Amino acid sequence: MITSEDTAMLSALKKDNNMEAYQYFFMKYYKPLCLKASTMLGSMDEARELVQKIFIEVWKTRQYQQIEHAPGGFFYQLIDARCRQLQEKAAAQQYKAPCPPCETGPALVPTSISTSLIMAIER
């Protein structure tokens, strides 16, 4: 739910690129966004870093100009999408992990076939 204060801050942000308005949204949504990201990523440290990065990216690229109604929803969608990307990337890397070395040593590869084996195969 967007409040009248959110509406005023969003207007100031979009009209004047007002840093104080952007800080308002950061302070208001930082903690809930971190909680959302930490449940998806499993790490509060990674979540905090991700949320901070997204706020920085949005400011630098002026993506906040795209916010139509609910700033919280805008940031929530960005966090959700980025967390899903990170989860997919982690899952893909897990499948690409090299096979662990064999604990029994190198495989024994015969250099020649014994005569008795050749006779058994020919029967």
C-alpha atoms as a PDB file:
ATOM      1  CA  MET A   1       0.000   0.000   0.000  1.00  0.00           C
ATOM      2  CA  ILE A   2       1.432   3.320  -1.012  1.00  0.00           C
ATOM      3  CA  THR A   3       1.147   6.152   1.500  1.00  0.00           C
ATOM      4  CA  SER A   4       0.796   9.866   0.802  1.00  0.00           C
ATOM      5  CA  GLU A   5       4.390  10.284   1.976  1.00  0.00           C
ATOM      6  CA  ASP A   6       5.498   7.628  -0.540  1.00  0.00           C
ATOM      7  CA  THR A   7       3.644   9.473  -3.278  1.00  0.00           C
ATOM      8  CA  ALA A   8       5.261  12.808  -2.353  1.00  0.00           C
ATOM      9  CA  MET A   9       8.733  11.239  -2.158  1.00  0.00           C
ATOM     10  CA  LEU A  10       8.269   9.410  -5.449  1.00  0.00           C
ATOM     11  CA  SER A  11       7.195  12.640  -7.111  1.00  0.00           C
ATOM     12  CA  ALA A  12      10.252  14.485  -5.740  1.00  0.00           C
ATOM     13  CA  LEU A  13      12.522  11.646  -6.794  1.00  0.00           C
ATOM     14  CA  LYS A  14      11.228  11.475 -10.343  1.00  0.00           C
ATOM     15  CA  LYS A  15      10.945  15.233 -10.838  1.00  0.00           C
ATOM     16  CA  ASP A  16      14.209  16.416  -9.290  1.00  0.00           C
ATOM     17  CA  ASN A  17      16.320  13.235  -8.863  1.00  0.00           C
ATOM     18  CA  ASN A  18      16.092  14.062  -5.162  1.00  0.00           C
ATOM     19  CA  MET A  19      18.670  12.065  -3.180  1.00  0.00           C
ATOM     20  CA  GLU A  20      16.789  12.548   0.122  1.00  0.00           C
ATOM     21  CA  ALA A  21      13.700  10.979  -1.454  1.00  0.00           C
ATOM     22  CA  TYR A  22      15.764   8.037  -2.639  1.00  0.00           C
ATOM     23  CA  GLN A  23      17.275   7.663   0.836  1.00  0.00           C
ATOM     24  CA  TYR A  24      13.736   7.623   2.231  1.00  0.00           C
ATOM     25  CA  PHE A  25      12.919   4.572   0.092  1.00  0.00           C
ATOM     26  CA  PHE A  26      16.208   2.916   0.975  1.00  0.00           C
ATOM     27  CA  MET A  27      15.569   3.336   4.711  1.00  0.00           C
ATOM     28  CA  LYS A  28      11.963   2.216   4.409  1.00  0.00           C
ATOM     29  CA  TYR A  29      12.521  -0.908   2.291  1.00  0.00           C
ATOM     30  CA  TYR A  30      16.071  -2.018   3.088  1.00  0.00           C
ATOM     31  CA  LYS A  31      15.228  -4.338   5.972  1.00  0.00           C
ATOM     32  CA  PRO A  32      12.193  -6.089   4.408  1.00  0.00           C
ATOM     33  CA  LEU A  33      14.094  -6.533   1.141  1.00  0.00           C
ATOM     34  CA  CYS A  34      17.051  -8.026   3.019  1.00  0.00           C
ATOM     35  CA  LEU A  35      14.719 -10.463   4.765  1.00  0.00           C
ATOM     36  CA  LYS A  36      13.191 -11.489   1.437  1.00  0.00           C
ATOM     37  CA  ALA A  37      16.589 -11.954  -0.195  1.00  0.00           C
ATOM     38  CA  SER A  38      17.997 -13.880   2.769  1.00  0.00           C
ATOM     39  CA  THR A  39      15.130 -16.378   2.643  1.00  0.00           C
ATOM     40  CA  MET A  40      15.842 -16.963  -1.039  1.00  0.00           C
ATOM     41  CA  LEU A  41      19.654 -17.000  -0.809  1.00  0.00           C
ATOM     42  CA  GLY A  42      20.097 -18.560   2.617  1.00  0.00           C
ATOM     43  CA  SER A  43      22.549 -15.902   3.767  1.00  0.00           C
ATOM     44  CA  MET A  44      21.866 -12.541   5.380  1.00  0.00           C
ATOM     45  CA  ASP A  45      25.314 -11.254   4.373  1.00  0.00           C
ATOM     46  CA  GLU A  46      24.669 -12.055   0.697  1.00  0.00           C
ATOM     47  CA  ALA A  47      21.195 -10.545   1.007  1.00  0.00           C
ATOM     48  CA  ARG A  48      22.485  -7.254   2.420  1.00  0.00           C
ATOM     49  CA  GLU A  49      25.115  -7.005  -0.287  1.00  0.00           C
ATOM     50  CA  LEU A  50      22.553  -7.737  -3.011  1.00  0.00           C
ATOM     51  CA  VAL A  51      20.028  -5.187  -1.748  1.00  0.00           C
ATOM     52  CA  GLN A  52      22.710  -2.505  -1.513  1.00  0.00           C
ATOM     53  CA  LYS A  53      23.939  -3.296  -5.024  1.00  0.00           C
ATOM     54  CA  ILE A  54      20.431  -3.059  -6.430  1.00  0.00           C
ATOM     55  CA  PHE A  55      19.775   0.305  -4.788  1.00  0.00           C
ATOM     56  CA  ILE A  56      23.079   1.584  -6.185  1.00  0.00           C
ATOM     57  CA  GLU A  57      22.323   0.245  -9.677  1.00  0.00           C
ATOM     58  CA  VAL A  58      18.834   1.737  -9.686  1.00  0.00           C
ATOM     59  CA  TRP A  59      20.211   5.122  -8.649  1.00  0.00           C
ATOM     60  CA  LYS A  60      23.064   5.126 -11.168  1.00  0.00           C
ATOM     61  CA  THR A  61      20.873   3.999 -14.075  1.00  0.00           C
ATOM     62  CA  ARG A  62      17.904   6.110 -12.944  1.00  0.00           C
ATOM     63  CA  GLN A  63      15.614   3.106 -13.134  1.00  0.00           C
ATOM     64  CA  TYR A  64      13.529   4.753 -10.423  1.00  0.00           C
ATOM     65  CA  GLN A  65      12.007   6.793 -13.231  1.00  0.00           C
ATOM     66  CA  GLN A  66      10.160   3.569 -14.193  1.00  0.00           C
ATOM     67  CA  ILE A  67       8.330   3.337 -10.846  1.00  0.00           C
ATOM     68  CA  GLU A  68       4.665   3.912 -11.555  1.00  0.00           C
ATOM     69  CA  HIS A  69       2.830   3.257  -8.291  1.00  0.00           C
ATOM     70  CA  ALA A  70       4.441   1.223  -5.516  1.00  0.00           C
ATOM     71  CA  PRO A  71       8.172   1.692  -4.886  1.00  0.00           C
ATOM     72  CA  GLY A  72       8.202  -1.285  -2.519  1.00  0.00           C
ATOM     73  CA  GLY A  73       6.777  -3.531  -5.211  1.00  0.00           C
ATOM     74  CA  PHE A  74       9.287  -2.224  -7.727  1.00  0.00           C
ATOM     75  CA  PHE A  75      12.246  -3.058  -5.487  1.00  0.00           C
ATOM     76  CA  TYR A  76      10.692  -6.350  -4.379  1.00  0.00           C
ATOM     77  CA  GLN A  77      10.423  -7.486  -8.015  1.00  0.00           C
ATOM     78  CA  LEU A  78      14.044  -6.531  -8.688  1.00  0.00           C
ATOM     79  CA  ILE A  79      15.233  -8.450  -5.621  1.00  0.00           C
ATOM     80  CA  ASP A  80      13.112 -11.487  -6.468  1.00  0.00           C
ATOM     81  CA  ALA A  81      14.383 -11.609 -10.058  1.00  0.00           C
ATOM     82  CA  ARG A  82      18.042 -11.180  -9.052  1.00  0.00           C
ATOM     83  CA  CYS A  83      17.765 -13.858  -6.343  1.00  0.00           C
ATOM     84  CA  ARG A  84      16.271 -16.276  -8.876  1.00  0.00           C
ATOM     85  CA  GLN A  85      19.148 -15.546 -11.263  1.00  0.00           C
ATOM     86  CA  LEU A  86      21.671 -16.243  -8.518  1.00  0.00           C
ATOM     87  CA  GLN A  87      19.889 -19.463  -7.562  1.00  0.00           C
ATOM     88  CA  GLU A  88      19.893 -20.651 -11.182  1.00  0.00           C
ATOM     89  CA  LYS A  89      23.557 -19.757 -11.569  1.00  0.00           C
ATOM     90  CA  ALA A  90      24.453 -21.652  -8.386  1.00  0.00           C
ATOM     91  CA  ALA A  91      22.461 -24.692  -9.522  1.00  0.00           C
ATOM     92  CA  ALA A  92      24.162 -24.664 -12.936  1.00  0.00           C
ATOM     93  CA  GLN A  93      27.607 -24.442 -11.347  1.00  0.00           C
ATOM     94  CA  GLN A  94      26.759 -27.327  -9.045  1.00  0.00           C
ATOM     95  CA  TYR A  95      26.112 -29.575 -12.050  1.00  0.00           C
ATOM     96  CA  LYS A  96      29.300 -28.437 -13.764  1.00  0.00           C
ATOM     97  CA  ALA A  97      31.455 -29.287 -10.759  1.00  0.00           C
ATOM     98  CA  PRO A  98      34.233 -31.718 -11.633  1.00  0.00           C
ATOM     99  CA  CYS A  99      33.878 -35.287 -10.561  1.00  0.00           C
ATOM    100  CA  PRO A 100      35.741 -35.925  -7.304  1.00  0.00           C
ATOM    101  CA  PRO A 101      38.889 -38.013  -7.663  1.00  0.00           C
ATOM    102  CA  CYS A 102      38.569 -41.722  -7.155  1.00  0.00           C
ATOM    103  CA  GLU A 103      39.689 -42.766  -3.678  1.00  0.00           C
ATOM    104  CA  THR A 104      40.873 -46.210  -4.792  1.00  0.00           C
ATOM    105  CA  GLY A 105      43.474 -44.948  -7.215  1.00  0.00           C
ATOM    106  CA  PRO A 106      43.684 -45.205 -10.986  1.00  0.00           C
ATOM    107  CA  ALA A 107      41.544 -47.720 -12.803  1.00  0.00           C
ATOM    108  CA  LEU A 108      43.201 -50.974 -13.798  1.00  0.00           C
ATOM    109  CA  VAL A 109      43.157 -51.250 -17.555  1.00  0.00           C
ATOM    110  CA  PRO A 110      44.277 -54.572 -19.009  1.00  0.00           C
ATOM    111  CA  THR A 111      47.027 -54.315 -21.581  1.00  0.00           C
ATOM    112  CA  SER A 112      46.084 -57.552 -23.291  1.00  0.00           C
ATOM    113  CA  ILE A 113      43.318 -60.149 -23.233  1.00  0.00           C
ATOM    114  CA  SER A 114      44.199 -63.510 -21.778  1.00  0.00           C
ATOM    115  CA  THR A 115      43.949 -66.627 -23.955  1.00  0.00           C
ATOM    116  CA  SER A 116      41.240 -68.148 -21.763  1.00  0.00           C
ATOM    117  CA  LEU A 117      39.092 -65.024 -22.096  1.00  0.00           C
ATOM    118  CA  ILE A 118      39.474 -65.044 -25.883  1.00  0.00           C
ATOM    119  CA  MET A 119      38.385 -68.713 -25.980  1.00  0.00           C
ATOM    120  CA  ALA A 120      35.358 -67.967 -23.779  1.00  0.00           C
ATOM    121  CA  ILE A 121      34.301 -65.067 -26.003  1.00  0.00           C
ATOM    122  CA  GLU A 122      34.597 -67.150 -29.184  1.00  0.00           C
ATOM    123  CA  ARG A 123      32.277 -69.876 -27.893  1.00  0.00           C
END
